[in-house]
């Protein structure tokens, strides 16, 4: 039984979340709090396994509270936020501060779906190991590394804890890294903000993918929330197609959908990386990539916030190598350098 404390200044939201989450047999609502001050006292007294946290609240905002909480009393936190550009930015900041997941606040039209998503996020949070991530140990002089990667494509999949993991990988890769396609389980409208933040921090250009975007060296494309992304070969070029379709492993975008498309379109020219996350999305796709000749990597248990997706991939034999998060950028660079062909005379 996962014991949950709901922190939100809206009485309606507190009531709706309490009623909906109580329908799940493995979740028990042990209390609610109107603001961080009330939450602080109830956390100490009730000792919840997970808290859900609103961002905009009176007396103390959610980000300030989260920063204090992760410093003095680290615990799994799921942010429940409204879909606005400002809230998207704040929610991503919450992930940087240590929140495990971000979920859209339900509306009157989305309560059943949002409740299931929140329940899954709470389960992932309960299985997580909150920690302050150490900066990735990137290779020396990363910016000066020159890789000939025209025909290579890098695919990355992640879920719970993935925002910081993806940042650690991309900041460790040079501006000449292969064209990169990324699926991060994240709600609609948050992915554009996530891409924008990464773009300001990484040597590569990072942006939310658009249908028919060309995959080229030095550019990373992030699948938009609530849409699948697949790779297609178009003559000598690779492109991404953005599609709807049913969720896979309860997810849209799905890592498996992307990875299986890598097999069809890139084969041995692909590299696949599966990072922290709950569940099994991406494991079967990574195995198919390895069987098609791709180089595949899984993040190790110690550096994963939730060792679900990587564990399943490792169990299936899908990973050529298993690395700690800070080792992954260097492993990618080393592999690409080894594969570089001598220039024609």
Protein backbone atom coordinates (compact mmCIF):
# COMPACT_ATOMS: atom_id res chain seq x y z
CA UNK A 1 0.00 0.00 0.00
CA UNK A 2 1.43 3.38 -1.07
CA UNK A 3 0.61 6.12 1.45
CA UNK A 4 0.04 9.46 -0.29
CA UNK A 5 -0.25 13.05 0.94
CA UNK A 6 -1.91 15.53 -1.46
CA UNK A 7 -0.66 19.13 -1.34
CA UNK A 8 -2.81 21.63 -3.26
CA UNK A 9 -4.43 24.94 -2.37
CA UNK A 10 -7.62 24.09 -4.29
CA UNK A 11 -10.27 22.31 -2.22
CA UNK A 12 -11.82 20.98 -5.44
CA UNK A 13 -8.55 19.47 -6.64
CA UNK A 14 -7.84 17.95 -3.23
CA UNK A 15 -11.29 16.35 -3.22
CA UNK A 16 -11.10 15.07 -6.80
CA UNK A 17 -7.61 13.61 -6.40
CA UNK A 18 -8.53 11.98 -3.09
CA UNK A 19 -11.67 10.40 -4.54
CA UNK A 20 -10.05 9.21 -7.76
CA UNK A 21 -6.84 7.85 -6.24
CA UNK A 22 -8.77 6.02 -3.52
CA UNK A 23 -10.25 3.84 -6.29
CA UNK A 24 -6.87 2.12 -6.73
CA UNK A 25 -6.30 -0.79 -4.37
CA UNK A 26 -2.59 -0.11 -3.89
CA UNK A 27 -2.92 3.61 -3.05
CA UNK A 28 -4.12 5.07 0.24
CA UNK A 29 -4.67 8.81 0.77
CA UNK A 30 -3.48 9.52 4.30
CA UNK A 31 -4.09 13.26 4.22
CA UNK A 32 -4.24 16.53 2.34
CA UNK A 33 -2.59 19.91 2.88
CA UNK A 34 -3.61 23.38 1.71
CA UNK A 35 -0.06 24.80 1.52
CA UNK A 36 3.58 23.89 2.21
CA UNK A 37 3.38 24.89 5.88
CA UNK A 38 0.54 22.49 6.52
CA UNK A 39 2.32 19.91 4.38
CA UNK A 40 5.50 20.17 6.41
CA UNK A 41 3.70 19.30 9.63
CA UNK A 42 1.78 16.42 8.06
CA UNK A 43 4.89 14.95 6.42
CA UNK A 44 6.59 14.76 9.80
CA UNK A 45 3.50 13.36 11.53
CA UNK A 46 2.10 11.02 8.86
CA UNK A 47 5.33 9.97 7.08
CA UNK A 48 3.84 9.48 3.59
CA UNK A 49 5.57 7.35 0.97
CA UNK A 50 4.81 9.89 -1.79
CA UNK A 51 3.44 13.43 -1.92
CA UNK A 52 1.69 15.09 -4.85
CA UNK A 53 2.60 18.76 -5.07
CA UNK A 54 0.99 21.74 -6.74
CA UNK A 55 3.36 24.47 -7.95
CA UNK A 56 1.40 27.67 -7.39
CA UNK A 57 0.26 27.95 -3.77
CA UNK A 58 -0.15 30.68 -1.14
CA UNK A 59 2.38 31.54 1.57
CA UNK A 60 5.14 29.47 -0.10
CA UNK A 61 5.33 28.34 -3.72
CA UNK A 62 5.86 24.71 -4.57
CA UNK A 63 9.39 25.17 -5.92
CA UNK A 64 10.65 26.81 -2.72
CA UNK A 65 9.03 24.07 -0.66
CA UNK A 66 10.46 21.33 -2.87
CA UNK A 67 13.99 22.76 -2.59
CA UNK A 68 13.73 22.76 1.21
CA UNK A 69 12.17 19.32 1.29
CA UNK A 70 14.83 17.68 -0.88
CA UNK A 71 17.58 19.28 1.21
CA UNK A 72 16.27 18.34 4.64
CA UNK A 73 13.82 15.44 4.11
CA UNK A 74 14.29 13.85 0.65
CA UNK A 75 11.27 11.88 -0.46
CA UNK A 76 9.41 10.96 -3.68
CA UNK A 77 7.42 13.91 -5.07
CA UNK A 78 5.02 13.94 -8.02
CA UNK A 79 4.24 17.41 -9.36
CA UNK A 80 0.62 17.91 -10.45
CA UNK A 81 0.54 21.04 -12.60
CA UNK A 82 -1.78 22.93 -14.92
CA UNK A 83 -0.98 23.04 -18.63
CA UNK A 84 0.33 26.57 -19.16
CA UNK A 85 3.69 27.70 -20.55
CA UNK A 86 4.61 29.23 -17.20
CA UNK A 87 3.64 26.12 -15.28
CA UNK A 88 5.53 23.95 -17.76
CA UNK A 89 8.71 25.89 -17.08
CA UNK A 90 8.16 25.68 -13.32
CA UNK A 91 7.39 21.97 -13.50
CA UNK A 92 10.66 21.28 -15.30
CA UNK A 93 12.47 23.29 -12.65
CA UNK A 94 10.78 21.04 -10.08
CA UNK A 95 12.27 18.00 -11.84
CA UNK A 96 15.70 19.62 -11.61
CA UNK A 97 15.14 20.12 -7.89
CA UNK A 98 14.35 16.44 -7.39
CA UNK A 99 10.69 15.78 -8.22
CA UNK A 100 10.24 12.32 -9.72
CA UNK A 101 7.40 12.94 -12.17
CA UNK A 102 5.23 15.68 -13.65
CA UNK A 103 1.54 15.01 -14.30
CA UNK A 104 -1.09 17.31 -15.80
CA UNK A 105 -3.74 18.50 -13.37
CA UNK A 106 -7.05 16.86 -14.33
CA UNK A 107 -9.88 18.84 -15.88
CA UNK A 108 -13.55 17.87 -15.77
CA UNK A 109 -13.08 16.18 -19.15
CA UNK A 110 -9.88 14.27 -18.37
CA UNK A 111 -10.38 12.98 -14.84
CA UNK A 112 -10.34 9.20 -15.58
CA UNK A 113 -7.28 9.34 -17.85
CA UNK A 114 -5.43 11.81 -15.64
CA UNK A 115 -6.16 9.69 -12.57
CA UNK A 116 -4.67 6.58 -14.18
CA UNK A 117 -1.60 8.56 -15.25
CA UNK A 118 -1.22 9.96 -11.74
CA UNK A 119 -1.58 6.51 -10.18
CA UNK A 120 1.19 5.19 -12.45
CA UNK A 121 3.37 8.18 -11.54
CA UNK A 122 2.79 7.57 -7.83
CA UNK A 123 3.80 3.91 -8.23
CA UNK A 124 6.95 4.98 -10.08
CA UNK A 125 7.73 7.54 -7.40
CA UNK A 126 7.26 4.97 -4.63
CA UNK A 127 9.81 2.74 -6.37
CA UNK A 128 12.31 5.56 -6.88
CA UNK A 129 15.38 6.56 -4.93
CA UNK A 130 15.36 10.38 -4.63
CA UNK A 131 18.84 11.81 -4.79
CA UNK A 132 20.68 14.87 -5.88
CA UNK A 133 22.21 13.99 -9.24
CA UNK A 134 25.93 14.57 -9.55
CA UNK A 135 27.06 16.47 -12.65
CA UNK A 136 27.91 14.17 -15.51
CA UNK A 137 31.61 13.52 -15.97
CA UNK A 138 31.94 14.53 -19.58
CA UNK A 139 34.99 13.78 -21.74
CA UNK A 140 37.70 16.42 -21.76
CA UNK A 141 37.34 19.09 -24.44
CA UNK A 142 34.00 17.66 -25.57
CA UNK A 143 33.34 20.74 -27.71
CA UNK A 144 36.44 20.04 -29.80
CA UNK A 145 35.57 16.42 -30.61
CA UNK A 146 34.88 16.00 -34.31
CA UNK A 147 32.85 12.95 -35.28
CA UNK A 148 31.97 11.86 -38.82
CA UNK A 149 28.43 10.70 -38.08
CA UNK A 150 26.44 11.43 -41.23
CA UNK A 151 24.88 7.97 -41.48
CA UNK A 152 24.56 7.23 -37.77
CA UNK A 153 21.43 7.84 -35.70
CA UNK A 154 21.26 7.85 -31.90
CA UNK A 155 17.95 6.92 -30.22
CA UNK A 156 17.37 7.54 -26.50
CA UNK A 157 14.41 6.43 -24.41
CA UNK A 158 13.60 7.37 -20.81
CA UNK A 159 10.79 7.77 -18.32
CA UNK A 160 10.85 8.46 -14.56
CA UNK A 161 13.99 10.46 -13.75
CA UNK A 162 14.73 10.80 -17.44
CA UNK A 163 14.77 14.58 -17.75
CA UNK A 164 18.00 14.89 -15.79
CA UNK A 165 19.42 11.69 -17.29
CA UNK A 166 18.84 12.95 -20.85
CA UNK A 167 20.43 16.26 -19.91
CA UNK A 168 23.49 14.43 -18.57
CA UNK A 169 23.88 12.48 -21.82
CA UNK A 170 23.33 15.39 -24.21
CA UNK A 171 25.59 17.81 -22.34
CA UNK A 172 28.33 15.19 -22.59
CA UNK A 173 28.08 14.87 -26.38
CA UNK A 174 29.77 17.24 -28.86
CA UNK A 175 28.04 19.53 -31.32
CA UNK A 176 29.06 17.05 -34.05
CA UNK A 177 27.20 14.14 -32.42
CA UNK A 178 24.98 12.02 -34.68
CA UNK A 179 21.40 13.01 -35.37
CA UNK A 180 19.52 12.10 -32.20
CA UNK A 181 15.90 11.13 -31.59
CA UNK A 182 14.50 11.03 -28.07
CA UNK A 183 11.39 9.73 -26.35
CA UNK A 184 10.84 10.96 -22.80
CA UNK A 185 7.54 10.02 -21.17
CA UNK A 186 6.12 13.48 -20.50
CA UNK A 187 2.71 15.15 -20.82
CA UNK A 188 1.68 17.14 -23.86
CA UNK A 189 2.96 20.73 -23.92
CA UNK A 190 5.77 20.01 -21.47
CA UNK A 191 8.06 18.57 -24.14
CA UNK A 192 8.51 21.86 -25.98
CA UNK A 193 9.62 23.55 -22.77
CA UNK A 194 11.91 20.62 -21.96
CA UNK A 195 13.52 20.85 -25.40
CA UNK A 196 14.00 24.59 -25.02
CA UNK A 197 15.78 24.18 -21.70
CA UNK A 198 18.07 21.51 -23.11
CA UNK A 199 18.81 23.65 -26.15
CA UNK A 200 20.22 26.36 -23.88
CA UNK A 201 22.48 23.89 -22.07
CA UNK A 202 23.78 21.45 -24.71
CA UNK A 203 26.38 21.72 -27.49
CA UNK A 204 23.83 20.16 -29.86
CA UNK A 205 20.72 21.95 -31.07
CA UNK A 206 17.71 20.49 -29.25
CA UNK A 207 14.09 21.03 -30.24
CA UNK A 208 10.68 19.39 -30.15
CA UNK A 209 10.25 17.26 -33.24
CA UNK A 210 7.88 18.27 -36.04
CA UNK A 211 6.47 15.90 -38.59
CA UNK A 212 8.90 15.29 -41.45
CA UNK A 213 11.89 16.88 -39.68
CA UNK A 214 15.21 15.71 -41.12
CA UNK A 215 17.54 13.91 -38.71
CA UNK A 216 20.99 15.47 -39.10
CA UNK A 217 24.23 15.52 -37.09
CA UNK A 218 24.29 18.07 -34.30
CA UNK A 219 20.51 18.11 -33.79
CA UNK A 220 18.44 16.26 -31.18
CA UNK A 221 14.68 15.88 -31.72
CA UNK A 222 12.36 15.19 -28.79
CA UNK A 223 9.05 13.44 -29.45
CA UNK A 224 6.11 15.73 -28.62
CA UNK A 225 3.91 14.68 -25.73
CA UNK A 226 0.89 12.54 -26.62
CA UNK A 227 2.34 11.65 -30.05
CA UNK A 228 4.43 8.71 -31.23
CA UNK A 229 7.64 9.40 -33.16
CA UNK A 230 9.14 7.01 -35.73
CA UNK A 231 12.25 7.14 -37.89
CA UNK A 232 11.92 6.73 -41.65
CA UNK A 233 14.56 6.45 -44.37
CA UNK A 234 14.00 8.80 -47.29
CA UNK A 235 16.66 8.20 -49.92
CA UNK A 236 19.95 9.16 -48.33
CA UNK A 237 18.19 11.01 -45.50
CA UNK A 238 16.50 10.08 -42.26
CA UNK A 239 13.27 11.81 -41.26
CA UNK A 240 10.92 11.56 -38.31
CA UNK A 241 7.18 11.12 -38.61
CA UNK A 242 4.92 12.25 -35.81
CA UNK A 243 1.85 10.06 -35.40
CA UNK A 244 -1.12 9.33 -33.20
CA UNK A 245 -2.20 5.75 -32.53
CA UNK A 246 -2.88 3.78 -29.36
CA UNK A 247 -0.55 4.02 -26.37
CA UNK A 248 2.08 1.30 -26.07
CA UNK A 249 2.94 0.19 -22.53
CA UNK A 250 0.40 2.86 -21.47
CA UNK A 251 2.63 5.49 -23.09
CA UNK A 252 2.38 7.89 -26.02
CA UNK A 253 5.06 8.62 -27.06
CA UNK A 254 6.45 5.13 -26.62
CA UNK A 255 10.12 4.19 -26.60
CA UNK A 256 9.32 0.82 -28.17
CA UNK A 257 7.59 2.49 -31.12
CA UNK A 258 10.70 4.61 -31.77
CA UNK A 259 13.19 1.77 -31.26
CA UNK A 260 11.34 -0.64 -33.58
CA UNK A 261 11.31 2.04 -36.27
CA UNK A 262 15.08 2.35 -35.86
CA UNK A 263 15.40 -1.32 -36.79
CA UNK A 264 13.40 -0.86 -39.97
CA UNK A 265 15.09 2.34 -41.10
CA UNK A 266 18.63 2.43 -39.67
CA UNK A 267 19.60 -1.13 -38.72
CA UNK A 268 23.31 -1.33 -37.94
CA UNK A 269 23.72 2.43 -38.36
CA UNK A 270 21.75 2.99 -35.15
CA UNK A 271 22.77 3.40 -31.54
CA UNK A 272 20.19 2.83 -28.80
CA UNK A 273 20.26 3.99 -25.19
CA UNK A 274 17.66 3.13 -22.57
CA UNK A 275 17.69 5.22 -19.41
CA UNK A 276 15.94 5.32 -16.05
CA UNK A 277 12.21 4.65 -15.95
CA UNK A 278 9.46 2.43 -14.58
CA UNK A 279 7.99 -0.43 -16.58
CA UNK A 280 9.23 -2.19 -19.70
CA UNK A 281 8.76 0.33 -22.51
CA UNK A 282 11.76 0.20 -24.85
CA UNK A 283 13.20 -3.14 -23.72
CA UNK A 284 11.83 -5.21 -26.61
CA UNK A 285 12.70 -2.45 -29.08
CA UNK A 286 16.26 -2.25 -27.79
CA UNK A 287 16.60 -6.03 -28.18
CA UNK A 288 15.40 -5.75 -31.78
CA UNK A 289 17.94 -2.98 -32.36
CA UNK A 290 20.77 -5.11 -31.01
CA UNK A 291 19.73 -8.06 -33.18
CA UNK A 292 19.77 -5.78 -36.24
CA UNK A 293 23.40 -4.82 -35.59
CA UNK A 294 22.94 -1.63 -33.58
CA UNK A 295 25.10 -0.76 -30.58
CA UNK A 296 22.94 -0.64 -27.46
CA UNK A 297 23.45 0.71 -23.94
CA UNK A 298 21.42 0.39 -20.72
CA UNK A 299 21.84 2.62 -17.69
CA UNK A 300 22.94 0.76 -14.56
CA UNK A 301 20.90 0.33 -11.40
CA UNK A 302 22.96 2.53 -9.11
CA UNK A 303 22.58 5.66 -11.24
CA UNK A 304 18.91 5.08 -12.20
CA UNK A 305 16.16 6.85 -10.31
CA UNK A 306 13.90 3.89 -11.19
CA UNK A 307 15.58 0.74 -12.48
CA UNK A 308 12.60 -0.60 -14.41
CA UNK A 309 13.10 -0.06 -18.12
CA UNK A 310 16.89 -0.65 -18.05
CA UNK A 311 16.48 -3.74 -15.86
CA UNK A 312 13.99 -5.29 -18.27
CA UNK A 313 16.26 -4.53 -21.23
CA UNK A 314 19.23 -6.10 -19.45
CA UNK A 315 17.16 -9.14 -18.46
CA UNK A 316 16.22 -9.69 -22.10
CA UNK A 317 19.82 -9.40 -23.28
CA UNK A 318 19.08 -6.19 -25.18
CA UNK A 319 22.13 -4.22 -23.99
CA UNK A 320 25.56 -4.60 -25.53
CA UNK A 321 26.92 -2.67 -22.54
CA UNK A 322 25.71 -1.41 -19.15
CA UNK A 323 27.07 1.88 -17.89
CA UNK A 324 26.56 4.39 -15.12
CA UNK A 325 24.90 7.57 -16.34
CA UNK A 326 28.09 9.64 -16.30
CA UNK A 327 29.88 7.01 -18.42
CA UNK A 328 27.30 6.90 -21.22
CA UNK A 329 28.39 9.99 -23.24
CA UNK A 330 31.98 8.75 -23.31
CA UNK A 331 30.87 5.27 -24.34
CA UNK A 332 28.90 6.71 -27.25
CA UNK A 333 31.85 8.83 -28.38
CA UNK A 334 34.29 5.92 -28.08
CA UNK A 335 32.04 3.67 -30.16
CA UNK A 336 31.58 6.28 -32.88
CA UNK A 337 35.31 6.99 -33.07
CA UNK A 338 36.05 3.28 -33.43
CA UNK A 339 33.55 3.09 -36.29
CA UNK A 340 34.91 6.07 -38.19
CA UNK A 341 36.28 5.04 -41.57
CA UNK A 342 39.58 6.46 -42.88
CA UNK A 343 39.08 9.24 -45.35
CA UNK A 344 39.28 8.18 -49.02
CA UNK A 345 42.61 8.85 -50.70
